[in-house]
C-alpha atoms as a PDB file:
ATOM      1  CA  MET A   1     133.273  93.144 199.848  1.00  0.00           C
ATOM      2  CA  SER A   2     137.158  93.482 199.037  1.00  0.00           C
ATOM      3  CA  GLU A   3     139.657  90.833 200.270  1.00  0.00           C
ATOM      4  CA  SER A   4     143.146  90.885 200.043  1.00  0.00           C
ATOM      5  CA  ASN A   5     146.095  88.820 200.700  1.00  0.00           C
ATOM      6  CA  ALA A   6     149.021  89.722 204.023  1.00  0.00           C
ATOM      7  CA  ASN A   7     151.774  90.919 201.717  1.00  0.00           C
ATOM      8  CA  PRO A   8     151.620  94.335 201.075  1.00  0.00           C
ATOM      9  CA  SER A   9     153.703  94.175 197.917  1.00  0.00           C
ATOM     10  CA  LEU A  10     150.972  91.674 196.023  1.00  0.00           C
ATOM     11  CA  PRO A  11     147.390  93.224 197.171  1.00  0.00           C
ATOM     12  CA  VAL A  12     144.855  90.649 195.631  1.00  0.00           C
ATOM     13  CA  GLU A  13     141.097  91.496 196.151  1.00  0.00           C
ATOM     14  CA  MET A  14     137.474  90.050 195.103  1.00  0.00           C
ATOM     15  CA  ASN A  15     135.819  92.509 193.038  1.00  0.00           C
ATOM     16  CA  GLY A  16     132.336  90.273 192.148  1.00  0.00           C
ATOM     17  CA  ASP A  17     133.286  87.222 190.292  1.00  0.00           C
ATOM     18  CA  ALA A  18     136.662  89.131 189.405  1.00  0.00           C
ATOM     19  CA  LEU A  19     140.251  88.589 191.212  1.00  0.00           C
ATOM     20  CA  ILE A  20     142.448  91.506 190.899  1.00  0.00           C
ATOM     21  CA  ALA A  21     146.321  90.801 191.653  1.00  0.00           C
ATOM     22  CA  ARG A  22     148.095  94.375 191.537  1.00  0.00           C
ATOM     23  CA  LEU A  23     151.934  93.964 190.993  1.00  0.00           C
ATOM     24  CA  GLN A  24     153.353  97.093 193.045  1.00  0.00           C
ATOM     25  CA  VAL A  25     157.005  96.781 191.894  1.00  0.00           C
ATOM     26  CA  LYS A  26     159.289  98.859 188.630  1.00  0.00           C
ATOM     27  CA  LEU A  27     160.804  95.031 187.852  1.00  0.00           C
ATOM     28  CA  ALA A  28     158.353  92.244 187.329  1.00  0.00           C
ATOM     29  CA  ASP A  29     161.076  89.475 188.482  1.00  0.00           C
ATOM     30  CA  GLU A  30     160.298  85.777 189.040  1.00  0.00           C
ATOM     31  CA  THR A  31     160.629  86.325 192.711  1.00  0.00           C
ATOM     32  CA  ALA A  32     157.602  89.103 192.417  1.00  0.00           C
ATOM     33  CA  LEU A  33     155.606  86.762 189.197  1.00  0.00           C
ATOM     34  CA  LYS A  34     156.027  83.811 191.472  1.00  0.00           C
ATOM     35  CA  SER A  35     154.388  85.234 194.716  1.00  0.00           C
ATOM     36  CA  LEU A  36     151.846  86.749 192.623  1.00  0.00           C
ATOM     37  CA  ALA A  37     150.665  83.396 190.957  1.00  0.00           C
ATOM     38  CA  GLN A  38     151.207  81.840 194.338  1.00  0.00           C
ATOM     39  CA  ALA A  39     148.265  84.200 195.792  1.00  0.00           C
ATOM     40  CA  ILE A  40     145.942  83.984 192.685  1.00  0.00           C
ATOM     41  CA  ASP A  41     146.610  80.531 193.095  1.00  0.00           C
ATOM     42  CA  GLU A  42     145.234  80.570 197.254  1.00  0.00           C
ATOM     43  CA  LYS A  43     142.110  82.230 195.554  1.00  0.00           C
ATOM     44  CA  ALA A  44     141.402  81.101 192.489  1.00  0.00           C
ATOM     45  CA  ALA A  45     142.376  77.126 192.598  1.00  0.00           C
ATOM     46  CA  ASP A  46     139.154  75.661 193.758  1.00  0.00           C
ATOM     47  CA  GLU A  47     136.318  75.397 191.514  1.00  0.00           C
ATOM     48  CA  ASN A  48     133.972  76.723 193.676  1.00  0.00           C
ATOM     49  CA  SER A  49     135.594  80.139 194.276  1.00  0.00           C
ATOM     50  CA  GLY A  50     133.520  81.707 191.801  1.00  0.00           C
ATOM     51  CA  VAL A  51     136.556  83.639 190.306  1.00  0.00           C
ATOM     52  CA  ARG A  52     135.855  84.219 186.562  1.00  0.00           C
ATOM     53  CA  THR A  53     138.220  86.497 185.778  1.00  0.00           C
ATOM     54  CA  ILE A  54     141.619  87.765 187.014  1.00  0.00           C
ATOM     55  CA  VAL A  55     143.112  91.098 186.037  1.00  0.00           C
ATOM     56  CA  LEU A  56     146.602  91.604 186.661  1.00  0.00           C
ATOM     57  CA  ASP A  57     147.237  95.536 187.017  1.00  0.00           C
ATOM     58  CA  LEU A  58     150.820  96.216 185.804  1.00  0.00           C
ATOM     59  CA  SER A  59     150.747 100.079 185.616  1.00  0.00           C
ATOM     60  CA  ARG A  60     153.573  99.871 188.021  1.00  0.00           C
ATOM     61  CA  VAL A  61     156.086  97.390 186.481  1.00  0.00           C
ATOM     62  CA  GLN A  62     158.646  99.293 184.123  1.00  0.00           C
ATOM     63  CA  LEU A  63     160.621  96.474 183.729  1.00  0.00           C
ATOM     64  CA  LEU A  64     159.325  92.748 182.568  1.00  0.00           C
ATOM     65  CA  PRO A  65     162.490  90.461 181.751  1.00  0.00           C
ATOM     66  CA  SER A  66     161.661  87.402 179.895  1.00  0.00           C
ATOM     67  CA  LEU A  67     161.700  84.935 182.416  1.00  0.00           C
ATOM     68  CA  ALA A  68     158.565  86.898 183.640  1.00  0.00           C
ATOM     69  CA  LEU A  69     157.028  86.548 180.531  1.00  0.00           C
ATOM     70  CA  GLY A  70     157.225  82.422 180.861  1.00  0.00           C
ATOM     71  CA  LEU A  71     155.326  83.246 184.052  1.00  0.00           C
ATOM     72  CA  LEU A  72     152.698  85.052 182.639  1.00  0.00           C
ATOM     73  CA  VAL A  73     152.735  82.241 179.513  1.00  0.00           C
ATOM     74  CA  GLN A  74     152.038  79.750 182.792  1.00  0.00           C
ATOM     75  CA  MET A  75     149.929  81.719 184.713  1.00  0.00           C
ATOM     76  CA  SER A  76     147.340  82.285 181.189  1.00  0.00           C
ATOM     77  CA  ASN A  77     147.478  78.965 180.713  1.00  0.00           C
ATOM     78  CA  LYS A  78     146.410  77.482 184.215  1.00  0.00           C
ATOM     79  CA  CYS A  79     143.849  80.653 183.911  1.00  0.00           C
ATOM     80  CA  ARG A  80     142.825  78.767 180.787  1.00  0.00           C
ATOM     81  CA  SER A  81     142.548  75.174 182.103  1.00  0.00           C
ATOM     82  CA  ARG A  82     140.483  76.960 185.215  1.00  0.00           C
ATOM     83  CA  GLN A  83     137.928  78.707 182.549  1.00  0.00           C
ATOM     84  CA  GLN A  84     138.628  81.789 183.608  1.00  0.00           C
ATOM     85  CA  LYS A  85     140.048  85.306 181.809  1.00  0.00           C
ATOM     86  CA  LEU A  86     143.136  86.773 182.475  1.00  0.00           C
ATOM     87  CA  LYS A  87     143.366  90.202 181.651  1.00  0.00           C
ATOM     88  CA  LEU A  88     146.648  92.466 182.348  1.00  0.00           C
ATOM     89  CA  ALA A  89     145.242  95.784 182.872  1.00  0.00           C
ATOM     90  CA  GLY A  90     147.715  99.093 182.692  1.00  0.00           C
ATOM     91  CA  VAL A  91     150.723  97.952 180.694  1.00  0.00           C
ATOM     92  CA  THR A  92     152.996 100.450 180.173  1.00  0.00           C
ATOM     93  CA  PRO A  93     154.286 101.127 176.594  1.00  0.00           C
ATOM     94  CA  GLN A  94     157.631 100.242 176.876  1.00  0.00           C
ATOM     95  CA  VAL A  95     156.081  96.938 178.707  1.00  0.00           C
ATOM     96  CA  ARG A  96     153.666  96.225 176.176  1.00  0.00           C
ATOM     97  CA  GLN A  97     156.550  96.260 173.345  1.00  0.00           C
ATOM     98  CA  VAL A  98     158.242  93.594 175.160  1.00  0.00           C
ATOM     99  CA  PHE A  99     154.651  91.230 174.398  1.00  0.00           C
ATOM    100  CA  ALA A 100     154.788  92.596 171.012  1.00  0.00           C
ATOM    101  CA  ILE A 101     158.304  91.735 170.092  1.00  0.00           C
ATOM    102  CA  THR A 102     158.138  88.560 171.464  1.00  0.00           C
ATOM    103  CA  ARG A 103     154.670  87.749 169.858  1.00  0.00           C
ATOM    104  CA  LEU A 104     153.239  87.301 173.078  1.00  0.00           C
ATOM    105  CA  ASP A 105     150.825  90.145 172.644  1.00  0.00           C
ATOM    106  CA  ARG A 106     148.539  87.781 170.465  1.00  0.00           C
ATOM    107  CA  ILE A 107     147.926  85.041 173.592  1.00  0.00           C
ATOM    108  CA  PHE A 108     147.051  87.896 176.384  1.00  0.00           C
ATOM    109  CA  ASP A 109     144.025  90.048 176.529  1.00  0.00           C
ATOM    110  CA  PHE A 110     145.269  93.947 177.105  1.00  0.00           C
ATOM    111  CA  VAL A 111     142.826  96.964 178.973  1.00  0.00           C
ATOM    112  CA  PRO A 112     143.880 100.538 179.566  1.00  0.00           C
ATOM    113  CA  THR A 113     142.809  99.836 183.563  1.00  0.00           C
ATOM    114  CA  VAL A 114     141.254  97.752 185.814  1.00  0.00           C
ATOM    115  CA  GLU A 115     137.983  99.545 185.883  1.00  0.00           C
ATOM    116  CA  ALA A 116     137.590  98.667 182.258  1.00  0.00           C
ATOM    117  CA  ALA A 117     138.717  94.980 182.629  1.00  0.00           C
ATOM    118  CA  LEU A 118     135.662  94.602 184.876  1.00  0.00           C
ATOM    119  CA  GLY A 119     133.391  96.804 182.993  1.00  0.00           C
END
């Protein structure tokens, strides 16, 4: 059974004990990521939510500004404090390079696809 939130640019759905958030923009700016974080918090913040893994599908994202990296780090810290795994799926080579340059690739779990994150 799949649930989605009301914002079509930020589909969030449950798949078993995983929450999948698909960022549907080319530029992952502060506004998009704050909306994404809010949508995730609404579904996963409650300890009774059953969410163990949060998968961010970033396959459409082509640009990731530095401020967005900070928001992703905050999101990662929230997930860790809730004992949830955060996985970044479908990260393009140019976006992955931003993580490598900033050495943030060491704190995130990258997977090639959403399906791989669930498997």
